[in-house]
Amino acid sequence: MSDRAGGEVISLASRRRVVVVASPTRAPARSAARRLGGPMFALVLGAALLVLALVAGTRSRTLADIRTLSAGDRARIFGRALEDLKTTCANLAQVDGALRDHCRAQAEFLRLFPECDPTCQSLTAGALPHARR
């Protein structure tokens, strides 16, 4: 077709045709990763929250059990655990493996008692792991 000025006229129908070429590169892989990413993240987050809830529940039950003991029983148990920490875990640098785990558990246990004063806190701090910089 040509117009009055002698130029060529392009029909509207031919201008509207747009050819879309799909790129077979990473688009399918990215969408698959997105599809799996959401559920996987939710699963990992759910598992972490479950573990946290179990640890907190166990600790709070142990704390409640300690608080319900009679003063005499609580003092005897605390004294035995403190003596064990002082003797068995005295030289923590030389303690390794299962014995080190026992010393950490004793220290955590002792900290649950209301009788664990600043001296006790200081003693247990030596058996507990510290954040490293």
Protein backbone atom coordinates (compact mmCIF):
# COMPACT_ATOMS: atom_id res chain seq x y z
CA MET A 1 0.00 0.00 0.00
CA SER A 2 1.04 3.57 -0.53
CA ASP A 3 -0.36 6.88 0.67
CA ARG A 4 -0.83 10.15 -1.27
CA ALA A 5 2.70 11.33 -0.67
CA GLY A 6 4.10 8.21 -2.20
CA GLY A 7 5.21 6.56 1.05
CA GLU A 8 4.39 3.07 2.15
CA VAL A 9 1.53 2.48 4.57
CA ILE A 10 1.87 -0.25 7.10
CA SER A 11 -1.37 -1.86 8.18
CA LEU A 12 -2.31 -1.83 11.86
CA ALA A 13 -2.70 -5.60 11.86
CA SER A 14 0.90 -6.12 10.86
CA ARG A 15 2.16 -3.69 13.53
CA ARG A 16 0.33 -5.49 16.32
CA ARG A 17 1.95 -8.81 15.72
CA VAL A 18 4.55 -9.27 18.39
CA VAL A 19 6.68 -12.34 18.42
CA VAL A 20 7.67 -13.46 21.88
CA VAL A 21 10.62 -15.77 21.99
CA ALA A 22 10.86 -17.74 25.22
CA SER A 23 14.35 -18.03 26.57
CA PRO A 24 15.03 -21.61 27.64
CA THR A 25 17.73 -20.41 30.02
CA ARG A 26 17.21 -20.16 33.79
CA ALA A 27 13.53 -19.16 33.95
CA PRO A 28 12.16 -22.69 34.69
CA ALA A 29 14.86 -23.41 37.26
CA ARG A 30 14.29 -20.09 39.03
CA SER A 31 10.55 -20.67 39.23
CA ALA A 32 11.10 -24.18 40.59
CA ALA A 33 13.45 -22.80 43.21
CA ARG A 34 10.84 -20.23 44.17
CA ARG A 35 8.17 -22.90 44.43
CA LEU A 36 10.34 -25.00 46.74
CA GLY A 37 11.83 -22.05 48.63
CA GLY A 38 8.63 -21.03 50.40
CA PRO A 39 7.64 -24.46 51.73
CA MET A 40 11.25 -25.33 52.58
CA PHE A 41 11.67 -22.10 54.54
CA ALA A 42 8.40 -22.75 56.37
CA LEU A 43 9.50 -26.30 57.19
CA VAL A 44 12.88 -25.21 58.57
CA LEU A 45 11.30 -22.37 60.54
CA GLY A 46 8.66 -24.71 61.96
CA ALA A 47 11.29 -27.26 63.01
CA ALA A 48 13.39 -24.57 64.70
CA LEU A 49 10.37 -23.25 66.60
CA LEU A 50 9.45 -26.77 67.69
CA VAL A 51 12.96 -27.42 69.05
CA LEU A 52 12.91 -24.07 70.85
CA ALA A 53 9.52 -24.84 72.39
CA LEU A 54 10.70 -28.27 73.56
CA VAL A 55 13.85 -26.84 75.16
CA ALA A 56 11.92 -24.05 76.86
CA GLY A 57 9.26 -26.49 78.05
CA THR A 58 11.80 -28.89 79.50
CA ARG A 59 13.65 -26.09 81.27
CA SER A 60 10.47 -24.63 82.72
CA ARG A 61 9.31 -28.07 83.95
CA THR A 62 12.68 -28.67 85.62
CA LEU A 63 12.55 -25.23 87.21
CA ALA A 64 9.00 -25.90 88.45
CA ASP A 65 10.08 -29.27 89.86
CA ILE A 66 12.97 -27.64 91.74
CA ARG A 67 10.68 -24.95 93.17
CA THR A 68 8.21 -27.57 94.47
CA LEU A 69 10.86 -29.41 96.49
CA SER A 70 10.96 -28.86 100.22
CA ALA A 71 13.67 -26.47 101.40
CA GLY A 72 15.65 -29.35 102.96
CA ASP A 73 15.51 -31.56 99.88
CA ARG A 74 16.38 -28.65 97.61
CA ALA A 75 19.37 -27.71 99.79
CA ARG A 76 20.66 -31.33 99.79
CA ILE A 77 20.32 -31.70 96.00
CA PHE A 78 21.90 -28.30 95.41
CA GLY A 79 24.77 -29.11 97.82
CA ARG A 80 25.48 -32.44 96.11
CA ALA A 81 25.42 -30.91 92.62
CA LEU A 82 27.64 -28.02 93.74
CA GLU A 83 30.14 -30.38 95.37
CA ASP A 84 30.17 -32.52 92.22
CA LEU A 85 30.89 -29.45 90.12
CA LYS A 86 33.69 -28.36 92.47
CA THR A 87 35.40 -31.74 92.60
CA THR A 88 34.71 -33.43 89.27
CA CYS A 89 34.92 -30.30 87.18
CA ALA A 90 37.62 -28.47 89.15
CA ASN A 91 40.14 -28.51 86.31
CA LEU A 92 37.86 -28.07 83.33
CA ALA A 93 40.78 -27.55 80.96
CA GLN A 94 41.69 -31.23 81.39
CA VAL A 95 38.09 -32.48 81.21
CA ASP A 96 36.92 -33.63 77.78
CA GLY A 97 34.18 -35.60 76.07
CA ALA A 98 31.29 -36.97 78.13
CA LEU A 99 32.74 -35.62 81.37
CA ARG A 100 32.80 -32.09 79.93
CA ASP A 101 29.16 -32.53 78.88
CA HIS A 102 28.34 -33.66 82.43
CA CYS A 103 30.04 -30.58 83.89
CA ARG A 104 28.09 -28.28 81.56
CA ALA A 105 24.83 -30.01 82.47
CA GLN A 106 25.65 -29.71 86.20
CA ALA A 107 26.40 -26.00 85.79
CA GLU A 108 23.14 -25.40 83.93
CA PHE A 109 21.25 -27.41 86.57
CA LEU A 110 22.79 -25.45 89.45
CA ARG A 111 21.79 -22.14 87.86
CA LEU A 112 18.13 -23.16 88.12
CA PHE A 113 18.28 -23.15 91.94
CA PRO A 114 17.40 -20.00 93.86
CA GLU A 115 20.34 -20.86 96.14
CA CYS A 116 22.80 -20.22 93.30
CA ASP A 117 24.32 -16.98 94.61
CA PRO A 118 27.01 -14.86 92.87
CA THR A 119 29.74 -17.29 94.02
CA CYS A 120 27.78 -20.17 92.49
CA GLN A 121 27.16 -18.15 89.32
CA SER A 122 30.89 -17.51 89.01
CA LEU A 123 31.73 -21.18 89.52
CA THR A 124 29.17 -22.35 86.97
CA ALA A 125 30.32 -19.76 84.44
CA GLY A 126 33.65 -21.60 84.19
CA ALA A 127 31.89 -24.80 83.09
CA LEU A 128 29.54 -23.21 80.57
CA PRO A 129 30.58 -22.46 76.97
CA HIS A 130 31.20 -18.83 76.16
CA ALA A 131 30.72 -16.94 72.93
CA ARG A 132 33.98 -16.50 71.08
CA ARG A 133 34.93 -13.43 69.08
